[in-house]
N, C-alpha and C. Protein backbone atom coordinates (compact mmCIF):
# COMPACT_ATOMS: atom_id res chain seq x y z
N MET A 1 0.84 -1.18 0.00
CA MET A 1 0.00 0.00 0.00
C MET A 1 0.89 1.24 0.00
N SER A 2 0.37 2.31 -0.56
CA SER A 2 1.12 3.55 -0.57
C SER A 2 0.29 4.66 0.06
N VAL A 3 0.96 5.72 0.40
CA VAL A 3 0.33 6.85 1.08
C VAL A 3 -0.83 7.39 0.25
N ILE A 4 -0.65 7.51 -1.05
CA ILE A 4 -1.69 8.09 -1.91
C ILE A 4 -2.98 7.29 -1.86
N PHE A 5 -2.90 5.96 -1.89
CA PHE A 5 -4.10 5.14 -1.85
C PHE A 5 -4.77 5.20 -0.49
N LEU A 6 -3.96 5.18 0.56
CA LEU A 6 -4.52 5.22 1.90
C LEU A 6 -5.17 6.57 2.18
N LYS A 7 -4.54 7.64 1.73
CA LYS A 7 -5.10 8.99 1.92
C LYS A 7 -6.40 9.13 1.13
N ALA A 8 -6.41 8.64 -0.12
CA ALA A 8 -7.61 8.71 -0.95
C ALA A 8 -8.75 7.89 -0.35
N ARG A 9 -8.39 6.83 0.34
CA ARG A 9 -9.38 5.98 0.99
C ARG A 9 -9.99 6.66 2.21
N GLY A 10 -9.31 7.72 2.68
CA GLY A 10 -9.84 8.47 3.81
C GLY A 10 -9.18 8.17 5.14
N ASP A 11 -8.09 7.41 5.10
CA ASP A 11 -7.37 7.08 6.33
C ASP A 11 -6.71 8.32 6.91
N THR A 12 -6.58 8.36 8.22
CA THR A 12 -5.89 9.45 8.90
C THR A 12 -4.39 9.21 8.86
N SER A 13 -3.63 10.24 9.20
CA SER A 13 -2.17 10.10 9.24
C SER A 13 -1.75 9.00 10.20
N SER A 14 -2.41 8.93 11.33
CA SER A 14 -2.08 7.91 12.33
C SER A 14 -2.37 6.50 11.81
N SER A 15 -3.50 6.33 11.15
CA SER A 15 -3.81 4.99 10.65
C SER A 15 -2.89 4.60 9.50
N ILE A 16 -2.53 5.57 8.65
CA ILE A 16 -1.57 5.29 7.58
C ILE A 16 -0.23 4.87 8.18
N ALA A 17 0.19 5.58 9.21
CA ALA A 17 1.45 5.25 9.88
C ALA A 17 1.41 3.83 10.46
N ASN A 18 0.31 3.46 11.07
CA ASN A 18 0.18 2.11 11.63
C ASN A 18 0.26 1.05 10.54
N ILE A 19 -0.41 1.29 9.42
CA ILE A 19 -0.41 0.33 8.32
C ILE A 19 1.00 0.18 7.74
N LEU A 20 1.70 1.32 7.56
CA LEU A 20 3.02 1.29 6.96
C LEU A 20 4.14 1.04 7.97
N LYS A 21 3.77 0.94 9.24
CA LYS A 21 4.72 0.67 10.33
C LYS A 21 5.82 1.72 10.42
N VAL A 22 5.39 2.99 10.40
CA VAL A 22 6.29 4.12 10.61
C VAL A 22 5.64 5.04 11.64
N HIS A 23 6.41 5.98 12.15
CA HIS A 23 5.90 6.93 13.14
C HIS A 23 4.91 7.88 12.47
N HIS A 24 3.88 8.26 13.18
CA HIS A 24 2.85 9.12 12.59
C HIS A 24 3.40 10.47 12.14
N SER A 25 4.45 10.96 12.79
CA SER A 25 5.03 12.24 12.37
C SER A 25 5.70 12.13 11.00
N THR A 26 6.19 10.93 10.65
CA THR A 26 6.77 10.71 9.34
C THR A 26 5.72 10.92 8.25
N ILE A 27 4.53 10.38 8.47
CA ILE A 27 3.44 10.53 7.51
C ILE A 27 2.97 11.98 7.47
N SER A 28 2.85 12.61 8.62
CA SER A 28 2.42 14.01 8.67
C SER A 28 3.38 14.90 7.89
N ARG A 29 4.68 14.70 8.09
CA ARG A 29 5.68 15.48 7.35
C ARG A 29 5.59 15.23 5.86
N GLU A 30 5.44 13.96 5.48
CA GLU A 30 5.33 13.60 4.07
C GLU A 30 4.13 14.29 3.41
N LEU A 31 3.00 14.27 4.07
CA LEU A 31 1.80 14.89 3.52
C LEU A 31 1.94 16.41 3.46
N LYS A 32 2.53 16.98 4.48
CA LYS A 32 2.70 18.43 4.52
C LYS A 32 3.71 18.91 3.47
N ARG A 33 4.81 18.20 3.34
CA ARG A 33 5.89 18.57 2.42
C ARG A 33 5.44 18.49 0.96
N ASN A 34 4.55 17.57 0.64
CA ASN A 34 4.14 17.34 -0.75
C ASN A 34 2.69 17.71 -1.01
N LYS A 35 2.22 18.72 -0.29
CA LYS A 35 0.84 19.14 -0.44
C LYS A 35 0.74 20.23 -1.50
N GLY A 36 -0.22 20.08 -2.39
CA GLY A 36 -0.50 21.08 -3.41
C GLY A 36 -1.88 21.65 -3.17
N GLN A 37 -2.35 22.45 -4.09
CA GLN A 37 -3.68 23.06 -3.94
C GLN A 37 -4.79 22.02 -3.94
N ARG A 38 -4.55 20.90 -4.61
CA ARG A 38 -5.58 19.86 -4.69
C ARG A 38 -5.26 18.65 -3.81
N GLY A 39 -4.44 18.83 -2.80
CA GLY A 39 -4.14 17.74 -1.89
C GLY A 39 -2.74 17.18 -2.08
N TYR A 40 -2.54 15.96 -1.62
CA TYR A 40 -1.24 15.29 -1.65
C TYR A 40 -0.81 15.04 -3.09
N ARG A 41 0.43 15.40 -3.40
CA ARG A 41 0.96 15.26 -4.76
C ARG A 41 1.97 14.12 -4.79
N HIS A 42 1.49 12.92 -5.06
CA HIS A 42 2.35 11.74 -5.02
C HIS A 42 3.43 11.76 -6.08
N GLN A 43 3.14 12.31 -7.25
CA GLN A 43 4.16 12.35 -8.31
C GLN A 43 5.30 13.27 -7.90
N GLN A 44 4.96 14.40 -7.30
CA GLN A 44 5.98 15.33 -6.81
C GLN A 44 6.83 14.66 -5.75
N ALA A 45 6.21 13.92 -4.86
CA ALA A 45 6.93 13.22 -3.80
C ALA A 45 7.89 12.18 -4.39
N GLN A 46 7.41 11.45 -5.40
CA GLN A 46 8.25 10.43 -6.03
C GLN A 46 9.45 11.06 -6.74
N GLU A 47 9.21 12.16 -7.43
CA GLU A 47 10.30 12.84 -8.13
C GLU A 47 11.34 13.38 -7.16
N LYS A 48 10.89 13.96 -6.06
CA LYS A 48 11.83 14.48 -5.05
C LYS A 48 12.66 13.35 -4.47
N ALA A 49 12.01 12.23 -4.16
CA ALA A 49 12.73 11.08 -3.58
C ALA A 49 13.75 10.53 -4.57
N PHE A 50 13.37 10.44 -5.84
CA PHE A 50 14.27 9.94 -6.87
C PHE A 50 15.49 10.85 -7.02
N LEU A 51 15.26 12.15 -7.08
CA LEU A 51 16.36 13.09 -7.22
C LEU A 51 17.28 13.06 -5.99
N GLU A 52 16.70 12.95 -4.82
CA GLU A 52 17.50 12.88 -3.60
C GLU A 52 18.39 11.65 -3.61
N LYS A 53 17.83 10.54 -4.08
CA LYS A 53 18.60 9.30 -4.14
C LYS A 53 19.77 9.42 -5.11
N ILE A 54 19.51 10.04 -6.24
CA ILE A 54 20.56 10.21 -7.25
C ILE A 54 21.64 11.19 -6.78
N LEU A 55 21.21 12.29 -6.16
CA LEU A 55 22.14 13.33 -5.77
C LEU A 55 22.84 13.09 -4.45
N SER A 56 22.34 12.19 -3.62
CA SER A 56 22.93 11.98 -2.30
C SER A 56 24.39 11.55 -2.35
N PRO A 57 24.84 10.68 -3.28
CA PRO A 57 26.27 10.37 -3.32
C PRO A 57 27.12 11.58 -3.68
N ILE A 58 26.58 12.50 -4.46
CA ILE A 58 27.30 13.70 -4.85
C ILE A 58 27.48 14.64 -3.65
N LYS A 59 26.47 14.71 -2.79
CA LYS A 59 26.49 15.60 -1.65
C LYS A 59 27.51 15.18 -0.60
N LYS A 60 27.82 13.90 -0.50
CA LYS A 60 28.69 13.39 0.56
C LYS A 60 30.13 13.66 0.31
């Protein structure tokens, strides 16, 4: 399951965190960081994560 499906289903941040076995603040930050005018932007989140993964070896 992914955050986008659980959020669309109407789950709360706490319930999403329980399902994904992460701390609820992790989900809250994820939703807040990738929020657009029409709600959670999963594509934006995926692109940011991909770029961070690629650029992280360069940063070190």
